[in-house]
Amino acid sequence: MSKVHNFNAGPAVLPQAVLAQAQAELLDYQGRGMSILEMSHRSKEYEAVNTQAESRLKALLGLGEGYRVLFLQGGASFQFAMIPLNFLPAGAVADYIVTGAWGEKALEEARKVGEAHVAASTAEGGFRSLPSAIQLSANPAYVHLTTNETIQGVQWAELPDVGGAPLIADMSSDILSRPIDASRFALIYAGAQKNIGPAGATAVIIREDLIAQGRKDLPAIMRYTTFAKNNSLYNTPPGFAVYLVNLVLGWIADLGGLAAM
């Protein structure tokens, strides 16, 4: 087979070693006589995959107690709505730093839920730069930004100072691509398909104290508490996608972690 160079943003290229391992295990996962595609998400085999993926992601980001890793569905686009639904109560304001198309989409969804203030935007210049100044609200419920805008090609090399406000980031296209201080974030989310796996799984890394602040009157499927209490297994998860994410995380760790990326 002639291998092509794949520059798709997402679904994006996966490591050859990961694809080879998935191929080898596809029909008979760990001697169980069935594929991981067929296994119950309540089985001990899948729970081990889920747990290992959670611990590997936390380890690669240098996070310990106080953070949870969740694997959800709906992509980053679902998080655009889920975040304000949980953390933007009536009477509060959320700040959005908008540096591209994905940040605009996140802002648009937040405005359907409550008051969203544009702390900075580079729309006037065609999203070709980062903002030179940021005007935060007096007491924002959270500050949201997109660390890397794939359409406009704008990436934060250094994060802005948001004071003590919870910092939330869409890292779909640059998560695990470089060392970062992940402890600066209250919530990180990333559709797996751009950097850490196939389409279908969404990684959410969230501070436990923020989980506790989420609205209690939302449908269960919309609450982070639901998935935290059930270790991402409240409903049937995207099992094969999480399995592949776990393989990618192991591959990154074997290379030497984020410092080697």
C-alpha atoms as a PDB file:
ATOM      1  CA  MET A   1       0.000   0.000   0.000  1.00  0.00           C
ATOM      2  CA  SER A   2       1.239   3.471  -0.879  1.00  0.00           C
ATOM      3  CA  LYS A   3       0.972   5.680   2.211  1.00  0.00           C
ATOM      4  CA  VAL A   4      -0.205   9.246   1.613  1.00  0.00           C
ATOM      5  CA  HIS A   5       0.613  12.375   3.582  1.00  0.00           C
ATOM      6  CA  ASN A   6      -2.574  13.345   5.419  1.00  0.00           C
ATOM      7  CA  PHE A   7      -2.930  17.020   6.318  1.00  0.00           C
ATOM      8  CA  ASN A   8      -6.631  16.922   7.192  1.00  0.00           C
ATOM      9  CA  ALA A   9      -7.466  18.999  10.266  1.00  0.00           C
ATOM     10  CA  GLY A  10      -9.840  16.402  11.622  1.00  0.00           C
ATOM     11  CA  PRO A  11     -10.401  13.552  11.329  1.00  0.00           C
ATOM     12  CA  ALA A  12      -6.635  13.740  11.214  1.00  0.00           C
ATOM     13  CA  VAL A  13      -3.722  11.373  10.798  1.00  0.00           C
ATOM     14  CA  LEU A  14      -3.257   8.685  13.460  1.00  0.00           C
ATOM     15  CA  PRO A  15       0.099   7.119  14.393  1.00  0.00           C
ATOM     16  CA  GLN A  16       0.890   4.087  12.260  1.00  0.00           C
ATOM     17  CA  ALA A  17       1.765   2.092  15.372  1.00  0.00           C
ATOM     18  CA  VAL A  18      -1.667   2.811  16.841  1.00  0.00           C
ATOM     19  CA  LEU A  19      -3.453   1.732  13.666  1.00  0.00           C
ATOM     20  CA  ALA A  20      -1.391  -1.456  13.526  1.00  0.00           C
ATOM     21  CA  GLN A  21      -2.209  -2.335  17.137  1.00  0.00           C
ATOM     22  CA  ALA A  22      -5.902  -1.652  16.597  1.00  0.00           C
ATOM     23  CA  GLN A  23      -5.839  -3.851  13.503  1.00  0.00           C
ATOM     24  CA  ALA A  24      -4.127  -6.692  15.373  1.00  0.00           C
ATOM     25  CA  GLU A  25      -6.623  -6.546  18.236  1.00  0.00           C
ATOM     26  CA  LEU A  26      -9.759  -5.881  16.215  1.00  0.00           C
ATOM     27  CA  LEU A  27     -11.141  -9.414  15.883  1.00  0.00           C
ATOM     28  CA  ASP A  28      -9.964 -10.825  19.205  1.00  0.00           C
ATOM     29  CA  TYR A  29      -9.361  -8.295  21.967  1.00  0.00           C
ATOM     30  CA  GLN A  30      -6.941  -9.663  24.574  1.00  0.00           C
ATOM     31  CA  GLY A  31      -8.004 -13.252  23.948  1.00  0.00           C
ATOM     32  CA  ARG A  32     -11.659 -12.612  24.704  1.00  0.00           C
ATOM     33  CA  GLY A  33     -12.866 -14.053  21.410  1.00  0.00           C
ATOM     34  CA  MET A  34     -14.656 -10.861  20.407  1.00  0.00           C
ATOM     35  CA  SER A  35     -13.869  -7.389  19.168  1.00  0.00           C
ATOM     36  CA  ILE A  36     -13.647  -4.331  21.401  1.00  0.00           C
ATOM     37  CA  LEU A  37     -16.367  -3.005  19.076  1.00  0.00           C
ATOM     38  CA  GLU A  38     -18.751  -5.644  20.456  1.00  0.00           C
ATOM     39  CA  MET A  39     -17.900  -5.469  24.142  1.00  0.00           C
ATOM     40  CA  SER A  40     -20.247  -4.122  26.761  1.00  0.00           C
ATOM     41  CA  HIS A  41     -19.177  -0.834  28.262  1.00  0.00           C
ATOM     42  CA  ARG A  42     -19.967  -2.486  31.610  1.00  0.00           C
ATOM     43  CA  SER A  43     -17.376  -5.209  31.049  1.00  0.00           C
ATOM     44  CA  LYS A  44     -14.188  -5.214  33.088  1.00  0.00           C
ATOM     45  CA  GLU A  45     -12.184  -5.077  29.852  1.00  0.00           C
ATOM     46  CA  TYR A  46     -13.770  -1.849  28.676  1.00  0.00           C
ATOM     47  CA  GLU A  47     -13.735  -0.300  32.137  1.00  0.00           C
ATOM     48  CA  ALA A  48      -9.979  -0.960  32.190  1.00  0.00           C
ATOM     49  CA  VAL A  49      -9.596   0.872  28.853  1.00  0.00           C
ATOM     50  CA  ASN A  50     -11.648   3.802  30.117  1.00  0.00           C
ATOM     51  CA  THR A  51      -9.751   4.036  33.402  1.00  0.00           C
ATOM     52  CA  GLN A  52      -6.367   3.794  31.702  1.00  0.00           C
ATOM     53  CA  ALA A  53      -7.269   6.511  29.201  1.00  0.00           C
ATOM     54  CA  GLU A  54      -8.332   8.813  32.033  1.00  0.00           C
ATOM     55  CA  SER A  55      -5.141   8.233  34.019  1.00  0.00           C
ATOM     56  CA  ARG A  56      -2.893   8.536  30.968  1.00  0.00           C
ATOM     57  CA  LEU A  57      -4.408  11.866  29.957  1.00  0.00           C
ATOM     58  CA  LYS A  58      -4.041  13.281  33.460  1.00  0.00           C
ATOM     59  CA  ALA A  59      -0.447  12.076  33.641  1.00  0.00           C
ATOM     60  CA  LEU A  60       0.493  13.598  30.278  1.00  0.00           C
ATOM     61  CA  LEU A  61      -0.985  16.927  31.390  1.00  0.00           C
ATOM     62  CA  GLY A  62       0.764  16.735  34.757  1.00  0.00           C
ATOM     63  CA  LEU A  63      -2.493  16.826  36.711  1.00  0.00           C
ATOM     64  CA  GLY A  64      -3.250  14.997  39.926  1.00  0.00           C
ATOM     65  CA  GLU A  65      -6.017  15.077  42.474  1.00  0.00           C
ATOM     66  CA  GLY A  66      -8.634  17.748  42.024  1.00  0.00           C
ATOM     67  CA  TYR A  67      -9.221  17.087  38.323  1.00  0.00           C
ATOM     68  CA  ARG A  68     -11.435  14.619  36.492  1.00  0.00           C
ATOM     69  CA  VAL A  69     -11.178  13.335  32.944  1.00  0.00           C
ATOM     70  CA  LEU A  70     -14.457  12.643  31.162  1.00  0.00           C
ATOM     71  CA  PHE A  71     -15.060  11.150  27.738  1.00  0.00           C
ATOM     72  CA  LEU A  72     -18.244  12.580  26.278  1.00  0.00           C
ATOM     73  CA  GLN A  73     -19.955  12.749  22.890  1.00  0.00           C
ATOM     74  CA  GLY A  74     -21.053  15.580  20.627  1.00  0.00           C
ATOM     75  CA  GLY A  75     -17.639  17.060  19.895  1.00  0.00           C
ATOM     76  CA  ALA A  76     -16.443  20.512  20.877  1.00  0.00           C
ATOM     77  CA  SER A  77     -19.649  21.932  19.407  1.00  0.00           C
ATOM     78  CA  PHE A  78     -21.672  20.253  22.137  1.00  0.00           C
ATOM     79  CA  GLN A  79     -19.346  21.756  24.739  1.00  0.00           C
ATOM     80  CA  PHE A  80     -20.075  25.227  23.331  1.00  0.00           C
ATOM     81  CA  ALA A  81     -23.591  24.776  24.749  1.00  0.00           C
ATOM     82  CA  MET A  82     -22.933  22.480  27.708  1.00  0.00           C
ATOM     83  CA  ILE A  83     -20.460  24.866  29.341  1.00  0.00           C
ATOM     84  CA  PRO A  84     -22.756  27.909  29.621  1.00  0.00           C
ATOM     85  CA  LEU A  85     -25.737  25.714  30.480  1.00  0.00           C
ATOM     86  CA  ASN A  86     -23.816  24.432  33.499  1.00  0.00           C
ATOM     87  CA  PHE A  87     -21.748  27.427  34.543  1.00  0.00           C
ATOM     88  CA  LEU A  88     -23.526  30.597  33.386  1.00  0.00           C
ATOM     89  CA  PRO A  89     -26.379  31.147  35.859  1.00  0.00           C
ATOM     90  CA  ALA A  90     -28.938  33.926  35.626  1.00  0.00           C
ATOM     91  CA  GLY A  91     -27.454  37.268  36.636  1.00  0.00           C
ATOM     92  CA  ALA A  92     -23.877  36.205  35.911  1.00  0.00           C
ATOM     93  CA  VAL A  93     -21.606  37.129  33.008  1.00  0.00           C
ATOM     94  CA  ALA A  94     -19.192  34.918  31.077  1.00  0.00           C
ATOM     95  CA  ASP A  95     -16.236  36.451  29.252  1.00  0.00           C
ATOM     96  CA  TYR A  96     -15.234  35.251  25.791  1.00  0.00           C
ATOM     97  CA  ILE A  97     -11.926  35.978  24.074  1.00  0.00           C
ATOM     98  CA  VAL A  98     -12.643  35.501  20.376  1.00  0.00           C
ATOM     99  CA  THR A  99      -9.752  34.899  17.988  1.00  0.00           C
ATOM    100  CA  GLY A 100     -11.402  32.909  15.199  1.00  0.00           C
ATOM    101  CA  ALA A 101     -14.357  30.986  13.833  1.00  0.00           C
ATOM    102  CA  TRP A 102     -14.523  28.421  16.639  1.00  0.00           C
ATOM    103  CA  GLY A 103     -14.449  31.086  19.310  1.00  0.00           C
ATOM    104  CA  GLU A 104     -17.288  32.846  17.509  1.00  0.00           C
ATOM    105  CA  LYS A 105     -19.369  29.666  17.541  1.00  0.00           C
ATOM    106  CA  ALA A 106     -18.757  29.200  21.267  1.00  0.00           C
ATOM    107  CA  LEU A 107     -19.802  32.809  21.928  1.00  0.00           C
ATOM    108  CA  GLU A 108     -22.948  32.405  19.843  1.00  0.00           C
ATOM    109  CA  GLU A 109     -24.070  29.404  21.888  1.00  0.00           C
ATOM    110  CA  ALA A 110     -23.332  31.123  25.202  1.00  0.00           C
ATOM    111  CA  ARG A 111     -25.497  34.091  24.232  1.00  0.00           C
ATOM    112  CA  LYS A 112     -28.460  31.745  23.864  1.00  0.00           C
ATOM    113  CA  VAL A 113     -28.053  30.788  27.522  1.00  0.00           C
ATOM    114  CA  GLY A 114     -27.162  34.020  29.297  1.00  0.00           C
ATOM    115  CA  GLU A 115     -25.018  37.144  29.224  1.00  0.00           C
ATOM    116  CA  ALA A 116     -21.742  36.687  27.372  1.00  0.00           C
ATOM    117  CA  HIS A 117     -19.285  39.579  27.263  1.00  0.00           C
ATOM    118  CA  VAL A 118     -16.634  39.852  24.557  1.00  0.00           C
ATOM    119  CA  ALA A 119     -13.486  40.525  26.553  1.00  0.00           C
ATOM    120  CA  ALA A 120     -11.467  40.745  23.344  1.00  0.00           C
ATOM    121  CA  SER A 121     -11.968  40.037  19.650  1.00  0.00           C
ATOM    122  CA  THR A 122      -9.754  40.255  16.602  1.00  0.00           C
ATOM    123  CA  ALA A 123     -12.656  39.947  14.141  1.00  0.00           C
ATOM    124  CA  GLU A 124     -12.067  43.443  12.770  1.00  0.00           C
ATOM    125  CA  GLY A 125      -8.641  42.420  11.536  1.00  0.00           C
ATOM    126  CA  GLY A 126      -9.892  39.170  10.041  1.00  0.00           C
ATOM    127  CA  PHE A 127      -8.662  37.084  12.975  1.00  0.00           C
ATOM    128  CA  ARG A 128      -5.061  37.328  11.831  1.00  0.00           C
ATOM    129  CA  SER A 129      -3.587  38.124  15.241  1.00  0.00           C
ATOM    130  CA  LEU A 130      -4.078  37.821  18.971  1.00  0.00           C
ATOM    131  CA  PRO A 131      -5.672  40.676  20.931  1.00  0.00           C
ATOM    132  CA  SER A 132      -3.322  43.312  22.306  1.00  0.00           C
ATOM    133  CA  ALA A 133      -5.594  43.984  25.285  1.00  0.00           C
ATOM    134  CA  ILE A 134      -8.296  42.123  27.179  1.00  0.00           C
ATOM    135  CA  GLN A 135     -11.116  43.774  29.105  1.00  0.00           C
ATOM    136  CA  LEU A 136     -12.531  41.315  31.606  1.00  0.00           C
ATOM    137  CA  SER A 137     -15.822  41.752  33.415  1.00  0.00           C
ATOM    138  CA  ALA A 138     -15.732  42.623  37.099  1.00  0.00           C
ATOM    139  CA  ASN A 139     -16.490  39.079  38.231  1.00  0.00           C
ATOM    140  CA  PRO A 140     -16.918  36.693  35.291  1.00  0.00           C
ATOM    141  CA  ALA A 141     -18.387  33.250  35.859  1.00  0.00           C
ATOM    142  CA  TYR A 142     -15.592  32.015  33.607  1.00  0.00           C
ATOM    143  CA  VAL A 143     -13.315  33.138  30.780  1.00  0.00           C
ATOM    144  CA  HIS A 144     -13.387  31.130  27.552  1.00  0.00           C
ATOM    145  CA  LEU A 145     -10.809  31.025  24.767  1.00  0.00           C
ATOM    146  CA  THR A 146      -9.714  28.811  21.891  1.00  0.00           C
ATOM    147  CA  THR A 147      -6.037  27.947  22.183  1.00  0.00           C
ATOM    148  CA  ASN A 148      -5.594  27.278  18.453  1.00  0.00           C
ATOM    149  CA  GLU A 149      -7.922  28.412  15.683  1.00  0.00           C
ATOM    150  CA  THR A 150      -7.489  25.943  12.827  1.00  0.00           C
ATOM    151  CA  ILE A 151      -9.295  28.008  10.191  1.00  0.00           C
ATOM    152  CA  GLN A 152      -7.438  31.295  10.763  1.00  0.00           C
ATOM    153  CA  GLY A 153      -4.238  29.706  12.059  1.00  0.00           C
ATOM    154  CA  VAL A 154      -3.968  31.730  15.279  1.00  0.00           C
ATOM    155  CA  GLN A 155      -2.500  30.070  18.372  1.00  0.00           C
ATOM    156  CA  TRP A 156      -1.842  31.349  21.881  1.00  0.00           C
ATOM    157  CA  ALA A 157       1.859  30.930  22.617  1.00  0.00           C
ATOM    158  CA  GLU A 158       1.358  32.414  26.077  1.00  0.00           C
ATOM    159  CA  LEU A 159      -1.958  32.461  27.883  1.00  0.00           C
ATOM    160  CA  PRO A 160      -3.539  35.762  28.914  1.00  0.00           C
ATOM    161  CA  ASP A 161      -3.819  36.697  32.567  1.00  0.00           C
ATOM    162  CA  VAL A 162      -7.437  36.238  33.665  1.00  0.00           C
ATOM    163  CA  GLY A 163      -6.884  36.806  37.358  1.00  0.00           C
ATOM    164  CA  GLY A 164      -8.797  34.399  39.545  1.00  0.00           C
ATOM    165  CA  ALA A 165     -11.560  33.672  37.029  1.00  0.00           C
ATOM    166  CA  PRO A 166     -12.023  30.046  35.949  1.00  0.00           C
ATOM    167  CA  LEU A 167     -10.260  29.662  32.600  1.00  0.00           C
ATOM    168  CA  ILE A 168     -11.955  27.378  30.067  1.00  0.00           C
ATOM    169  CA  ALA A 169     -10.323  26.402  26.776  1.00  0.00           C
ATOM    170  CA  ASP A 170     -11.191  24.654  23.558  1.00  0.00           C
ATOM    171  CA  MET A 171      -7.951  22.771  22.832  1.00  0.00           C
ATOM    172  CA  SER A 172      -9.299  20.512  20.110  1.00  0.00           C
ATOM    173  CA  SER A 173      -6.495  21.188  17.637  1.00  0.00           C
ATOM    174  CA  ASP A 174      -3.439  21.517  19.874  1.00  0.00           C
ATOM    175  CA  ILE A 175      -4.067  19.410  22.965  1.00  0.00           C
ATOM    176  CA  LEU A 176      -0.979  17.319  23.844  1.00  0.00           C
ATOM    177  CA  SER A 177       1.055  18.983  21.087  1.00  0.00           C
ATOM    178  CA  ARG A 178       3.344  20.817  23.524  1.00  0.00           C
ATOM    179  CA  PRO A 179       4.004  21.131  27.257  1.00  0.00           C
ATOM    180  CA  ILE A 180       1.523  23.393  29.057  1.00  0.00           C
ATOM    181  CA  ASP A 181       0.641  24.277  32.622  1.00  0.00           C
ATOM    182  CA  ALA A 182      -2.736  22.561  32.623  1.00  0.00           C
ATOM    183  CA  SER A 183      -3.342  23.547  36.238  1.00  0.00           C
ATOM    184  CA  ARG A 184      -4.119  27.076  35.008  1.00  0.00           C
ATOM    185  CA  PHE A 185      -7.365  25.792  33.526  1.00  0.00           C
ATOM    186  CA  ALA A 186     -10.635  25.022  35.239  1.00  0.00           C
ATOM    187  CA  LEU A 187     -11.852  23.118  32.179  1.00  0.00           C
ATOM    188  CA  ILE A 188     -10.204  21.926  28.976  1.00  0.00           C
ATOM    189  CA  TYR A 189     -12.171  20.273  26.218  1.00  0.00           C
ATOM    190  CA  ALA A 190     -11.123  18.741  22.928  1.00  0.00           C
ATOM    191  CA  GLY A 191     -12.805  16.817  20.168  1.00  0.00           C
ATOM    192  CA  ALA A 192     -10.498  13.826  19.833  1.00  0.00           C
ATOM    193  CA  GLN A 193     -10.430  13.797  16.038  1.00  0.00           C
ATOM    194  CA  LYS A 194      -7.938  16.615  15.566  1.00  0.00           C
ATOM    195  CA  ASN A 195      -5.095  15.560  17.841  1.00  0.00           C
ATOM    196  CA  ILE A 196      -5.657  12.506  20.023  1.00  0.00           C
ATOM    197  CA  GLY A 197      -7.851  10.000  18.212  1.00  0.00           C
ATOM    198  CA  PRO A 198     -10.805   9.487  15.874  1.00  0.00           C
ATOM    199  CA  ALA A 199     -14.101  11.313  15.690  1.00  0.00           C
ATOM    200  CA  GLY A 200     -16.705  10.289  18.238  1.00  0.00           C
ATOM    201  CA  ALA A 201     -15.057  11.012  21.575  1.00  0.00           C
ATOM    202  CA  THR A 202     -14.646  14.355  23.312  1.00  0.00           C
ATOM    203  CA  ALA A 203     -12.128  14.683  26.126  1.00  0.00           C
ATOM    204  CA  VAL A 204     -13.083  16.981  28.999  1.00  0.00           C
ATOM    205  CA  ILE A 205     -10.579  17.723  31.753  1.00  0.00           C
ATOM    206  CA  ILE A 206     -12.369  19.548  34.527  1.00  0.00           C
ATOM    207  CA  ARG A 207     -11.598  20.727  38.038  1.00  0.00           C
ATOM    208  CA  GLU A 208     -13.697  18.929  40.630  1.00  0.00           C
ATOM    209  CA  ASP A 209     -14.738  22.136  42.353  1.00  0.00           C
ATOM    210  CA  LEU A 210     -16.117  23.418  39.047  1.00  0.00           C
ATOM    211  CA  ILE A 211     -18.132  20.236  38.552  1.00  0.00           C
ATOM    212  CA  ALA A 212     -19.797  20.886  41.901  1.00  0.00           C
ATOM    213  CA  GLN A 213     -20.840  24.376  40.756  1.00  0.00           C
ATOM    214  CA  GLY A 214     -22.837  23.100  37.779  1.00  0.00           C
ATOM    215  CA  ARG A 215     -26.582  23.648  37.603  1.00  0.00           C
ATOM    216  CA  LYS A 216     -28.638  20.903  39.212  1.00  0.00           C
ATOM    217  CA  ASP A 217     -31.860  21.505  37.251  1.00  0.00           C
ATOM    218  CA  LEU A 218     -30.575  20.417  33.842  1.00  0.00           C
ATOM    219  CA  PRO A 219     -31.456  17.085  32.228  1.00  0.00           C
ATOM    220  CA  ALA A 220     -29.017  14.424  33.424  1.00  0.00           C
ATOM    221  CA  ILE A 221     -27.352  14.047  30.030  1.00  0.00           C
ATOM    222  CA  MET A 222     -26.413  17.747  30.080  1.00  0.00           C
ATOM    223  CA  ARG A 223     -24.705  17.754  33.498  1.00  0.00           C
ATOM    224  CA  TYR A 224     -21.007  17.168  34.107  1.00  0.00           C
ATOM    225  CA  THR A 225     -21.894  15.753  37.521  1.00  0.00           C
ATOM    226  CA  THR A 226     -23.742  12.909  35.809  1.00  0.00           C
ATOM    227  CA  PHE A 227     -20.687  11.754  33.909  1.00  0.00           C
ATOM    228  CA  ALA A 228     -18.282  12.365  36.786  1.00  0.00           C
ATOM    229  CA  LYS A 229     -20.358  10.192  39.129  1.00  0.00           C
ATOM    230  CA  ASN A 230     -20.547   7.441  36.518  1.00  0.00           C
ATOM    231  CA  ASN A 231     -16.942   7.582  35.266  1.00  0.00           C
ATOM    232  CA  SER A 232     -18.153   8.620  31.796  1.00  0.00           C
ATOM    233  CA  LEU A 233     -20.339   5.490  31.648  1.00  0.00           C
ATOM    234  CA  TYR A 234     -23.753   7.017  32.352  1.00  0.00           C
ATOM    235  CA  ASN A 235     -24.889   5.976  28.887  1.00  0.00           C
ATOM    236  CA  THR A 236     -23.192   3.875  26.222  1.00  0.00           C
ATOM    237  CA  PRO A 237     -19.896   5.648  25.481  1.00  0.00           C
ATOM    238  CA  PRO A 238     -18.098   5.838  22.119  1.00  0.00           C
ATOM    239  CA  GLY A 239     -16.105   2.789  23.154  1.00  0.00           C
ATOM    240  CA  PHE A 240     -13.960   2.225  20.090  1.00  0.00           C
ATOM    241  CA  ALA A 241     -13.077   5.910  19.895  1.00  0.00           C
ATOM    242  CA  VAL A 242     -12.015   5.937  23.558  1.00  0.00           C
ATOM    243  CA  TYR A 243     -10.017   2.743  22.967  1.00  0.00           C
ATOM    244  CA  LEU A 244      -8.129   4.450  20.129  1.00  0.00           C
ATOM    245  CA  VAL A 245      -7.609   7.587  22.219  1.00  0.00           C
ATOM    246  CA  ASN A 246      -6.089   5.369  24.897  1.00  0.00           C
ATOM    247  CA  LEU A 247      -3.689   3.859  22.356  1.00  0.00           C
ATOM    248  CA  VAL A 248      -2.650   7.320  21.150  1.00  0.00           C
ATOM    249  CA  LEU A 249      -2.065   8.447  24.745  1.00  0.00           C
ATOM    250  CA  GLY A 250       0.113   5.397  25.350  1.00  0.00           C
ATOM    251  CA  TRP A 251       2.036   6.123  22.152  1.00  0.00           C
ATOM    252  CA  ILE A 252       2.709   9.708  23.283  1.00  0.00           C
ATOM    253  CA  ALA A 253       3.846   8.497  26.705  1.00  0.00           C
ATOM    254  CA  ASP A 254       6.195   5.944  25.119  1.00  0.00           C
ATOM    255  CA  LEU A 255       7.759   8.695  23.003  1.00  0.00           C
ATOM    256  CA  GLY A 256       8.606  10.639  26.150  1.00  0.00           C
ATOM    257  CA  GLY A 257       5.479  12.678  26.791  1.00  0.00           C
ATOM    258  CA  LEU A 258       4.729  16.227  25.731  1.00  0.00           C
ATOM    259  CA  ALA A 259       8.364  17.306  25.891  1.00  0.00           C
ATOM    260  CA  ALA A 260       9.046  14.954  22.980  1.00  0.00           C
ATOM    261  CA  MET A 261       6.185  16.184  20.816  1.00  0.00           C
END
